[in-house]
């Protein structure tokens, strides 16, 4: 089962004995290099699981924590950046697809896809049944 980004950030914080302020400090050089703004509110929301980091901030966090982006996203892949580089290239198409879905349908649709993918086959079948039922109720239709 795929873990959440929040869970992974907490794991690495515990393993490396880091606080959120430490992560922000580690991220500063990468934020400057890639011109990405990462502030304490962003990080707090990622750690709480309220918000998932977008690709640019996910990259900054992965670099700052010296872990692979795919591992940080919760995939069952090696944590180490170097060992995971080849495996991560296989996920780049998936990441591009999710970016396209987000730009066309919004972040809630991406969240639905990610939640759906975390289900086993029985769970996916039940989710499809529930969605189908919802589309038959007028107050939920567009």
N, C-alpha and C. Protein backbone atom coordinates (compact mmCIF):
# COMPACT_ATOMS: atom_id res chain seq x y z
N UNK A 1 0.83 -1.18 0.00
CA UNK A 1 0.00 0.00 0.00
C UNK A 1 0.88 1.25 0.00
N UNK A 2 0.50 2.23 -0.78
CA UNK A 2 1.26 3.47 -0.89
C UNK A 2 1.05 4.31 0.36
N UNK A 3 2.15 4.86 0.88
CA UNK A 3 2.07 5.74 2.04
C UNK A 3 1.90 7.18 1.57
N UNK A 4 1.49 8.04 2.48
CA UNK A 4 1.30 9.44 2.12
C UNK A 4 2.62 10.20 2.20
N UNK A 5 2.65 11.32 1.51
CA UNK A 5 3.82 12.19 1.58
C UNK A 5 4.01 12.68 3.02
N UNK A 6 2.92 12.97 3.70
CA UNK A 6 3.01 13.42 5.10
C UNK A 6 3.70 12.36 5.96
N UNK A 7 3.32 11.11 5.78
CA UNK A 7 3.93 10.02 6.53
C UNK A 7 5.42 9.93 6.24
N UNK A 8 5.78 10.05 4.97
CA UNK A 8 7.19 9.96 4.58
C UNK A 8 8.00 11.12 5.14
N UNK A 9 7.44 12.33 5.13
CA UNK A 9 8.16 13.46 5.69
C UNK A 9 8.38 13.24 7.18
N UNK A 10 7.35 12.76 7.87
CA UNK A 10 7.48 12.49 9.31
C UNK A 10 8.52 11.40 9.56
N UNK A 11 8.56 10.38 8.69
CA UNK A 11 9.55 9.31 8.86
C UNK A 11 10.97 9.86 8.76
N UNK A 12 11.22 10.66 7.76
CA UNK A 12 12.57 11.18 7.56
C UNK A 12 12.92 12.20 8.65
N UNK A 13 11.92 12.95 9.12
CA UNK A 13 12.16 13.87 10.23
C UNK A 13 12.58 13.10 11.47
N UNK A 14 11.90 12.00 11.73
CA UNK A 14 12.23 11.18 12.89
C UNK A 14 13.60 10.52 12.73
N UNK A 15 13.85 9.97 11.56
CA UNK A 15 15.10 9.26 11.31
C UNK A 15 16.31 10.20 11.44
N UNK A 16 16.17 11.42 10.91
CA UNK A 16 17.28 12.36 10.91
C UNK A 16 17.20 13.39 12.04
N UNK A 17 16.20 13.20 12.92
CA UNK A 17 16.00 14.11 14.05
C UNK A 17 15.89 15.56 13.58
N UNK A 18 14.99 15.80 12.63
CA UNK A 18 14.81 17.13 12.07
C UNK A 18 13.49 17.74 12.53
N UNK A 19 13.48 19.05 12.63
CA UNK A 19 12.27 19.81 12.84
C UNK A 19 11.92 20.47 11.51
N UNK A 20 10.71 20.99 11.42
CA UNK A 20 10.31 21.64 10.18
C UNK A 20 11.25 22.79 9.82
N UNK A 21 11.68 23.55 10.81
CA UNK A 21 12.59 24.66 10.55
C UNK A 21 13.91 24.17 9.96
N UNK A 22 14.34 22.98 10.38
CA UNK A 22 15.58 22.40 9.83
C UNK A 22 15.40 22.07 8.35
N UNK A 23 14.24 21.54 8.02
CA UNK A 23 13.96 21.20 6.61
C UNK A 23 13.97 22.47 5.77
N UNK A 24 13.34 23.52 6.27
CA UNK A 24 13.32 24.78 5.53
C UNK A 24 14.73 25.32 5.31
N UNK A 25 15.57 25.19 6.33
CA UNK A 25 16.97 25.63 6.21
C UNK A 25 17.70 24.80 5.17
N UNK A 26 17.49 23.48 5.19
CA UNK A 26 18.14 22.61 4.21
C UNK A 26 17.64 22.89 2.79
N UNK A 27 16.40 23.34 2.69
CA UNK A 27 15.80 23.58 1.38
C UNK A 27 16.22 24.92 0.76
N UNK A 28 16.70 25.85 1.58
CA UNK A 28 17.01 27.20 1.09
C UNK A 28 17.90 27.23 -0.16
N UNK A 29 19.02 26.49 -0.18
CA UNK A 29 19.86 26.57 -1.39
C UNK A 29 19.15 26.07 -2.65
N UNK A 30 18.32 25.06 -2.49
CA UNK A 30 17.60 24.52 -3.64
C UNK A 30 16.47 25.45 -4.07
N UNK A 31 15.84 26.10 -3.10
CA UNK A 31 14.81 27.10 -3.43
C UNK A 31 15.43 28.22 -4.25
N UNK A 32 16.61 28.67 -3.85
CA UNK A 32 17.30 29.73 -4.59
C UNK A 32 17.69 29.25 -5.98
N UNK A 33 18.27 28.07 -6.04
CA UNK A 33 18.75 27.54 -7.32
C UNK A 33 17.62 27.37 -8.33
N UNK A 34 16.49 26.84 -7.87
CA UNK A 34 15.38 26.54 -8.78
C UNK A 34 14.27 27.59 -8.74
N UNK A 35 14.50 28.67 -7.99
CA UNK A 35 13.54 29.77 -7.87
C UNK A 35 12.16 29.27 -7.47
N UNK A 36 12.14 28.48 -6.41
CA UNK A 36 10.89 27.95 -5.86
C UNK A 36 10.76 28.46 -4.44
N UNK A 37 9.59 28.96 -4.10
CA UNK A 37 9.35 29.49 -2.76
C UNK A 37 8.71 28.39 -1.91
N UNK A 38 9.36 28.05 -0.82
CA UNK A 38 8.86 27.07 0.13
C UNK A 38 8.87 27.73 1.50
N UNK A 39 7.69 27.91 2.09
CA UNK A 39 7.64 28.58 3.39
C UNK A 39 7.12 27.64 4.47
N UNK A 40 7.12 28.14 5.72
CA UNK A 40 6.75 27.28 6.84
C UNK A 40 5.30 26.84 6.77
N UNK A 41 4.43 27.66 6.21
CA UNK A 41 3.03 27.27 6.07
C UNK A 41 2.89 26.11 5.08
N UNK A 42 3.63 26.19 3.97
CA UNK A 42 3.62 25.09 2.99
C UNK A 42 4.01 23.78 3.68
N UNK A 43 5.16 23.82 4.34
CA UNK A 43 5.69 22.61 4.96
C UNK A 43 4.75 22.08 6.04
N UNK A 44 4.18 22.96 6.81
CA UNK A 44 3.24 22.55 7.86
C UNK A 44 2.05 21.81 7.26
N UNK A 45 1.55 22.31 6.15
CA UNK A 45 0.41 21.66 5.51
C UNK A 45 0.80 20.31 4.89
N UNK A 46 2.03 20.20 4.39
CA UNK A 46 2.49 18.92 3.86
C UNK A 46 2.62 17.89 4.98
N UNK A 47 3.20 18.32 6.11
CA UNK A 47 3.41 17.41 7.24
C UNK A 47 2.08 16.97 7.84
N UNK A 48 1.11 17.88 7.87
CA UNK A 48 -0.20 17.54 8.43
C UNK A 48 -1.02 16.67 7.46
N UNK A 49 -0.63 16.66 6.20
CA UNK A 49 -1.37 15.89 5.20
C UNK A 49 -2.54 16.65 4.61
N UNK A 50 -2.69 17.92 4.96
CA UNK A 50 -3.80 18.72 4.43
C UNK A 50 -3.61 19.02 2.94
N UNK A 51 -2.34 19.16 2.53
CA UNK A 51 -2.02 19.51 1.14
C UNK A 51 -0.88 18.62 0.67
N UNK A 52 -0.94 18.23 -0.59
CA UNK A 52 0.14 17.48 -1.21
C UNK A 52 1.04 18.47 -1.95
N UNK A 53 2.35 18.36 -1.81
CA UNK A 53 3.22 19.30 -2.53
C UNK A 53 3.14 19.08 -4.03
N UNK A 54 3.16 20.18 -4.76
CA UNK A 54 3.23 20.07 -6.22
C UNK A 54 4.64 19.66 -6.60
N UNK A 55 4.82 19.31 -7.86
CA UNK A 55 6.07 18.72 -8.32
C UNK A 55 7.29 19.58 -8.00
N UNK A 56 7.20 20.90 -8.18
CA UNK A 56 8.37 21.74 -7.94
C UNK A 56 8.79 21.72 -6.47
N UNK A 57 7.83 21.78 -5.57
CA UNK A 57 8.15 21.76 -4.14
C UNK A 57 8.52 20.36 -3.67
N UNK A 58 7.94 19.35 -4.28
CA UNK A 58 8.31 17.98 -3.96
C UNK A 58 9.79 17.76 -4.29
N UNK A 59 10.22 18.29 -5.42
CA UNK A 59 11.63 18.16 -5.82
C UNK A 59 12.54 18.85 -4.81
N UNK A 60 12.16 20.04 -4.39
CA UNK A 60 12.95 20.79 -3.40
C UNK A 60 13.05 19.99 -2.10
N UNK A 61 11.94 19.45 -1.64
CA UNK A 61 11.95 18.67 -0.40
C UNK A 61 12.82 17.42 -0.54
N UNK A 62 12.70 16.75 -1.67
CA UNK A 62 13.49 15.53 -1.89
C UNK A 62 14.99 15.85 -1.91
N UNK A 63 15.35 16.93 -2.57
CA UNK A 63 16.76 17.34 -2.59
C UNK A 63 17.25 17.71 -1.20
N UNK A 64 16.44 18.49 -0.48
CA UNK A 64 16.83 18.94 0.86
C UNK A 64 16.99 17.76 1.82
N UNK A 65 16.12 16.77 1.67
CA UNK A 65 16.15 15.61 2.57
C UNK A 65 17.02 14.48 2.04
N UNK A 66 17.54 14.66 0.82
CA UNK A 66 18.38 13.66 0.17
C UNK A 66 17.67 12.30 0.05
N UNK A 67 16.42 12.37 -0.42
CA UNK A 67 15.64 11.16 -0.68
C UNK A 67 15.07 11.26 -2.08
N UNK A 68 14.63 10.14 -2.61
CA UNK A 68 14.04 10.16 -3.95
C UNK A 68 12.64 10.79 -3.89
N UNK A 69 12.27 11.46 -4.96
CA UNK A 69 10.94 12.07 -5.04
C UNK A 69 9.86 11.00 -4.97
N UNK A 70 10.07 9.90 -5.67
CA UNK A 70 9.06 8.83 -5.67
C UNK A 70 8.87 8.26 -4.27
N UNK A 71 9.96 8.08 -3.54
CA UNK A 71 9.84 7.59 -2.17
C UNK A 71 9.07 8.59 -1.33
N UNK A 72 9.38 9.87 -1.49
CA UNK A 72 8.72 10.92 -0.73
C UNK A 72 7.22 10.97 -1.05
N UNK A 73 6.87 10.61 -2.27
CA UNK A 73 5.46 10.57 -2.67
C UNK A 73 4.73 9.37 -2.07
N UNK A 74 5.49 8.43 -1.51
CA UNK A 74 4.86 7.29 -0.85
C UNK A 74 4.98 5.98 -1.60
N UNK A 75 5.64 6.01 -2.76
CA UNK A 75 5.79 4.77 -3.53
C UNK A 75 6.77 3.83 -2.84
N UNK A 76 6.56 2.55 -3.03
CA UNK A 76 7.41 1.52 -2.42
C UNK A 76 8.67 1.36 -3.26
N UNK A 77 9.53 2.35 -3.17
CA UNK A 77 10.80 2.40 -3.91
C UNK A 77 11.90 2.76 -2.92
N UNK A 78 13.15 2.59 -3.31
CA UNK A 78 14.24 2.94 -2.41
C UNK A 78 14.19 4.42 -2.00
N UNK A 79 14.54 4.67 -0.75
CA UNK A 79 14.58 6.03 -0.23
C UNK A 79 15.74 6.80 -0.85
N UNK A 80 16.86 6.14 -1.04
CA UNK A 80 18.08 6.77 -1.52
C UNK A 80 17.88 7.35 -2.91
N UNK A 81 18.31 8.57 -3.13
CA UNK A 81 18.17 9.23 -4.43
C UNK A 81 18.91 8.48 -5.53
N UNK A 82 20.16 8.09 -5.28
CA UNK A 82 20.97 7.46 -6.34
C UNK A 82 20.41 6.12 -6.76
N UNK A 83 20.00 5.30 -5.81
CA UNK A 83 19.47 3.98 -6.14
C UNK A 83 18.13 4.05 -6.84
N UNK A 84 17.43 5.13 -6.66
CA UNK A 84 16.08 5.21 -7.19
C UNK A 84 15.98 5.97 -8.51
N UNK A 85 17.06 6.58 -8.97
CA UNK A 85 16.98 7.42 -10.16
C UNK A 85 16.41 6.67 -11.37
N UNK A 86 16.88 5.47 -11.62
CA UNK A 86 16.39 4.71 -12.78
C UNK A 86 14.92 4.38 -12.61
N UNK A 87 14.54 3.97 -11.41
CA UNK A 87 13.14 3.64 -11.16
C UNK A 87 12.24 4.85 -11.29
N UNK A 88 12.73 6.00 -10.89
CA UNK A 88 11.92 7.21 -10.94
C UNK A 88 11.61 7.64 -12.37
N UNK A 89 12.51 7.37 -13.29
CA UNK A 89 12.23 7.76 -14.68
C UNK A 89 10.99 7.04 -15.19
N UNK A 90 10.74 5.84 -14.66
CA UNK A 90 9.54 5.11 -15.07
C UNK A 90 8.27 5.79 -14.55
N UNK A 91 8.41 6.60 -13.52
CA UNK A 91 7.26 7.28 -12.96
C UNK A 91 7.04 8.66 -13.57
N UNK A 92 7.96 9.13 -14.39
CA UNK A 92 7.83 10.48 -14.93
C UNK A 92 6.60 10.61 -15.81
N UNK A 93 6.27 9.57 -16.57
CA UNK A 93 5.07 9.62 -17.40
C UNK A 93 3.82 9.75 -16.52
N UNK A 94 3.81 9.01 -15.42
CA UNK A 94 2.67 9.09 -14.49
C UNK A 94 2.55 10.49 -13.91
N UNK A 95 3.68 11.08 -13.56
CA UNK A 95 3.68 12.43 -12.99
C UNK A 95 3.17 13.44 -14.02
N UNK A 96 3.61 13.31 -15.27
CA UNK A 96 3.13 14.21 -16.33
C UNK A 96 1.63 14.05 -16.53
N UNK A 97 1.16 12.81 -16.49
CA UNK A 97 -0.26 12.55 -16.65
C UNK A 97 -1.05 13.21 -15.53
N UNK A 98 -0.58 13.07 -14.29
CA UNK A 98 -1.27 13.70 -13.16
C UNK A 98 -1.26 15.22 -13.29
N UNK A 99 -0.17 15.79 -13.79
CA UNK A 99 -0.12 17.24 -14.02
C UNK A 99 -1.16 17.66 -15.06
N UNK A 100 -1.30 16.87 -16.12
CA UNK A 100 -2.30 17.17 -17.15
C UNK A 100 -3.71 17.06 -16.59
N UNK A 101 -3.96 16.03 -15.80
CA UNK A 101 -5.27 15.87 -15.19
C UNK A 101 -5.57 17.06 -14.29
N UNK A 102 -4.57 17.48 -13.51
CA UNK A 102 -4.78 18.61 -12.62
C UNK A 102 -5.09 19.88 -13.40
N UNK A 103 -4.35 20.13 -14.47
CA UNK A 103 -4.58 21.37 -15.22
C UNK A 103 -5.95 21.36 -15.89
N UNK A 104 -6.44 20.18 -16.29
CA UNK A 104 -7.72 20.10 -16.98
C UNK A 104 -8.90 19.98 -16.03
N UNK A 105 -8.74 19.18 -14.98
CA UNK A 105 -9.87 18.86 -14.10
C UNK A 105 -9.73 19.36 -12.66
N UNK A 106 -8.54 19.80 -12.26
CA UNK A 106 -8.35 20.32 -10.91
C UNK A 106 -7.71 19.31 -9.97
N UNK A 107 -7.28 19.84 -8.83
CA UNK A 107 -6.55 19.01 -7.87
C UNK A 107 -7.41 17.95 -7.20
N UNK A 108 -8.72 18.21 -7.09
CA UNK A 108 -9.57 17.20 -6.46
C UNK A 108 -9.65 15.94 -7.32
N UNK A 109 -9.58 16.08 -8.63
CA UNK A 109 -9.60 14.92 -9.51
C UNK A 109 -8.30 14.13 -9.36
N UNK A 110 -7.18 14.82 -9.23
CA UNK A 110 -5.91 14.14 -9.00
C UNK A 110 -5.98 13.38 -7.68
N UNK A 111 -6.57 13.99 -6.67
CA UNK A 111 -6.71 13.32 -5.38
C UNK A 111 -7.56 12.06 -5.51
N UNK A 112 -8.63 12.14 -6.30
CA UNK A 112 -9.49 10.97 -6.52
C UNK A 112 -8.68 9.85 -7.18
N UNK A 113 -7.89 10.20 -8.19
CA UNK A 113 -7.06 9.20 -8.87
C UNK A 113 -6.07 8.57 -7.90
N UNK A 114 -5.43 9.39 -7.09
CA UNK A 114 -4.44 8.87 -6.15
C UNK A 114 -5.10 7.99 -5.09
N UNK A 115 -6.24 8.41 -4.58
CA UNK A 115 -6.96 7.58 -3.61
C UNK A 115 -7.41 6.28 -4.24
N UNK A 116 -7.93 6.35 -5.46
CA UNK A 116 -8.39 5.16 -6.17
C UNK A 116 -7.25 4.17 -6.34
N UNK A 117 -6.08 4.68 -6.69
CA UNK A 117 -4.92 3.80 -6.90
C UNK A 117 -4.41 3.17 -5.62
N UNK A 118 -4.80 3.72 -4.47
CA UNK A 118 -4.37 3.12 -3.20
C UNK A 118 -5.26 1.95 -2.78
N UNK A 119 -6.35 1.74 -3.53
CA UNK A 119 -7.30 0.67 -3.20
C UNK A 119 -6.90 -0.65 -3.85
N UNK A 120 -7.31 -1.75 -3.22
CA UNK A 120 -7.15 -3.06 -3.86
C UNK A 120 -8.28 -3.22 -4.88
N UNK A 121 -8.32 -4.33 -5.59
CA UNK A 121 -9.31 -4.53 -6.65
C UNK A 121 -10.74 -4.47 -6.13
N UNK A 122 -10.99 -5.05 -4.96
CA UNK A 122 -12.34 -4.99 -4.39
C UNK A 122 -12.72 -3.55 -4.04
N UNK A 123 -11.79 -2.82 -3.47
CA UNK A 123 -12.04 -1.42 -3.12
C UNK A 123 -12.30 -0.58 -4.36
N UNK A 124 -11.55 -0.83 -5.43
CA UNK A 124 -11.76 -0.09 -6.68
C UNK A 124 -13.15 -0.37 -7.23
N UNK A 125 -13.57 -1.62 -7.18
CA UNK A 125 -14.90 -1.97 -7.68
C UNK A 125 -15.98 -1.26 -6.87
N UNK A 126 -15.83 -1.26 -5.55
CA UNK A 126 -16.81 -0.60 -4.68
C UNK A 126 -16.82 0.91 -4.93
N UNK A 127 -15.64 1.52 -5.12
CA UNK A 127 -15.56 2.96 -5.40
C UNK A 127 -16.28 3.29 -6.70
N UNK A 128 -16.09 2.47 -7.73
CA UNK A 128 -16.76 2.69 -9.01
C UNK A 128 -18.28 2.58 -8.86
N UNK A 129 -18.72 1.61 -8.08
CA UNK A 129 -20.16 1.45 -7.83
C UNK A 129 -20.71 2.69 -7.13
N UNK A 130 -20.00 3.16 -6.12
CA UNK A 130 -20.45 4.34 -5.39
C UNK A 130 -20.48 5.58 -6.27
N UNK A 131 -19.47 5.75 -7.10
CA UNK A 131 -19.45 6.89 -8.03
C UNK A 131 -20.60 6.80 -9.03
N UNK A 132 -20.83 5.61 -9.52
CA UNK A 132 -21.93 5.41 -10.46
C UNK A 132 -23.26 5.77 -9.80
N UNK A 133 -23.44 5.33 -8.56
CA UNK A 133 -24.67 5.66 -7.82
C UNK A 133 -24.81 7.17 -7.66
N UNK A 134 -23.72 7.87 -7.33
CA UNK A 134 -23.78 9.32 -7.14
C UNK A 134 -24.17 10.06 -8.42
N UNK A 135 -23.75 9.54 -9.56
CA UNK A 135 -24.08 10.21 -10.83
C UNK A 135 -25.56 10.10 -11.17
N UNK A 136 -26.28 9.23 -10.49
CA UNK A 136 -27.72 9.08 -10.72
C UNK A 136 -28.54 10.02 -9.84
N UNK A 137 -27.90 10.72 -8.91
CA UNK A 137 -28.61 11.61 -7.99
C UNK A 137 -28.46 13.05 -8.50
N UNK A 138 -29.59 13.67 -8.83
CA UNK A 138 -29.58 14.98 -9.47
C UNK A 138 -28.84 16.05 -8.69
N UNK A 139 -28.92 16.04 -7.37
CA UNK A 139 -28.28 17.12 -6.61
C UNK A 139 -26.75 17.06 -6.68
N UNK A 140 -26.19 15.95 -7.14
CA UNK A 140 -24.74 15.84 -7.29
C UNK A 140 -24.26 16.02 -8.72
N UNK A 141 -25.18 16.16 -9.66
CA UNK A 141 -24.80 16.34 -11.07
C UNK A 141 -24.50 17.80 -11.35
N UNK A 142 -23.69 17.99 -12.37
CA UNK A 142 -23.41 19.38 -12.83
C UNK A 142 -24.59 19.88 -13.60
